[in-house]
Amino acid sequence: MIKTFEVSNIRCGGCASTIKKALLEEGFENVEVDLSCEPRKVAVELLDEALEAHLIMTLRKLGYPLANEAVGKMDSAGLKAKSFVSCAVGKFSI
């Protein structure tokens, strides 16, 4: 089943590239990142509902929390910093 998530901190193709690569390496299939709307959307085929938590954790490790996820100010700043690094890495791999 394809499931779509609204994700924060995605700004460009570099971010999308990093997310796609990381999720594919984690074994997720049919990963798509929609940059045409706000908040940005990540669609992934989830073969098992239990994989949803793993997907969310992977996005968060990259600095891209879910848009509806409550994060504190300090945590938010850390996630934004991580996403900038992830974005830069993604730009070099495009």
Protein backbone atom coordinates (compact mmCIF):
# COMPACT_ATOMS: atom_id res chain seq x y z
CA MET A 1 0.00 0.00 0.00
CA ILE A 2 1.33 3.46 -0.92
CA LYS A 3 1.19 5.85 2.03
CA THR A 4 1.91 9.59 1.88
CA PHE A 5 3.47 11.61 4.70
CA GLU A 6 3.73 15.40 5.05
CA VAL A 7 7.35 16.14 5.96
CA SER A 8 9.07 19.29 7.28
CA ASN A 9 12.41 20.84 6.26
CA ILE A 10 12.39 19.57 2.64
CA ARG A 11 13.51 22.51 0.50
CA CYS A 12 14.93 21.27 -2.78
CA GLY A 13 16.00 18.44 -5.04
CA GLY A 14 19.05 17.81 -2.84
CA CYS A 15 16.77 17.08 0.11
CA ALA A 16 14.58 14.86 -2.07
CA SER A 17 17.62 12.97 -3.37
CA THR A 18 18.92 12.30 0.15
CA ILE A 19 15.52 11.10 1.36
CA LYS A 20 14.98 8.85 -1.65
CA LYS A 21 18.43 7.31 -1.42
CA ALA A 22 18.21 6.69 2.34
CA LEU A 23 14.76 5.14 2.18
CA LEU A 24 15.68 2.91 -0.76
CA GLU A 25 18.80 1.75 1.12
CA GLU A 26 16.55 0.91 4.10
CA GLY A 27 14.52 -1.38 1.83
CA PHE A 28 11.51 0.83 1.14
CA GLU A 29 10.07 0.69 -2.38
CA ASN A 30 8.44 3.19 -4.73
CA VAL A 31 9.75 6.25 -2.89
CA GLU A 32 8.56 9.58 -4.31
CA VAL A 33 9.11 13.11 -2.96
CA ASP A 34 6.64 15.81 -4.05
CA LEU A 35 8.26 19.25 -4.06
CA SER A 36 5.28 20.99 -5.66
CA CYS A 37 3.31 21.62 -2.46
CA GLU A 38 3.72 22.80 1.13
CA PRO A 39 4.24 20.91 3.30
CA ARG A 40 6.29 18.63 1.09
CA LYS A 41 5.11 15.05 0.73
CA VAL A 42 6.93 11.74 0.74
CA ALA A 43 5.07 8.73 -0.66
CA VAL A 44 6.35 5.24 0.08
CA GLU A 45 5.06 1.73 -0.46
CA LEU A 46 4.63 0.15 2.97
CA LEU A 47 4.38 -3.60 2.77
CA ASP A 48 3.81 -3.83 6.51
CA GLU A 49 2.28 -1.27 8.89
CA ALA A 50 5.12 -1.95 11.34
CA LEU A 51 7.53 -0.35 8.86
CA GLU A 52 5.88 3.05 9.34
CA ALA A 53 7.74 3.66 12.61
CA HIS A 54 11.04 2.75 10.93
CA LEU A 55 10.30 5.15 8.07
CA ILE A 56 9.52 8.00 10.49
CA MET A 57 12.69 7.31 12.48
CA THR A 58 14.80 7.27 9.29
CA LEU A 59 13.36 10.60 8.11
CA ARG A 60 13.93 12.13 11.55
CA LYS A 61 17.58 10.94 11.64
CA LEU A 62 18.10 12.82 8.36
CA GLY A 63 16.54 15.98 9.85
CA TYR A 64 13.12 15.64 8.22
CA PRO A 65 10.40 15.14 10.87
CA LEU A 66 6.75 14.72 10.00
CA ALA A 67 4.98 18.07 9.58
CA ASN A 68 2.48 17.29 12.34
CA GLU A 69 5.15 16.07 14.77
CA ALA A 70 5.51 18.18 17.90
CA VAL A 71 9.13 19.20 18.38
CA GLY A 72 10.63 21.59 20.91
CA LYS A 73 12.66 24.66 19.94
CA MET A 74 16.01 23.01 20.66
CA ASP A 75 15.02 19.83 18.85
CA SER A 76 13.68 21.84 15.91
CA ALA A 77 16.99 23.70 15.53
CA GLY A 78 18.92 20.42 15.60
CA LEU A 79 16.65 18.85 13.00
CA LYS A 80 17.00 21.87 10.71
CA ALA A 81 20.78 21.68 11.01
CA LYS A 82 20.70 17.97 10.14
CA SER A 83 18.45 18.66 7.16
CA PHE A 84 20.89 21.30 5.83
CA VAL A 85 23.70 18.72 5.92
CA SER A 86 21.46 16.07 4.34
CA CYS A 87 20.47 18.56 1.65
CA ALA A 88 24.10 19.38 0.83
CA VAL A 89 24.99 15.69 0.60
CA GLY A 90 21.99 15.12 -1.68
CA LYS A 91 23.03 17.97 -4.00
CA PHE A 92 26.39 16.32 -4.59
CA SER A 93 24.76 13.01 -5.50
CA ILE A 94 22.29 14.41 -8.06
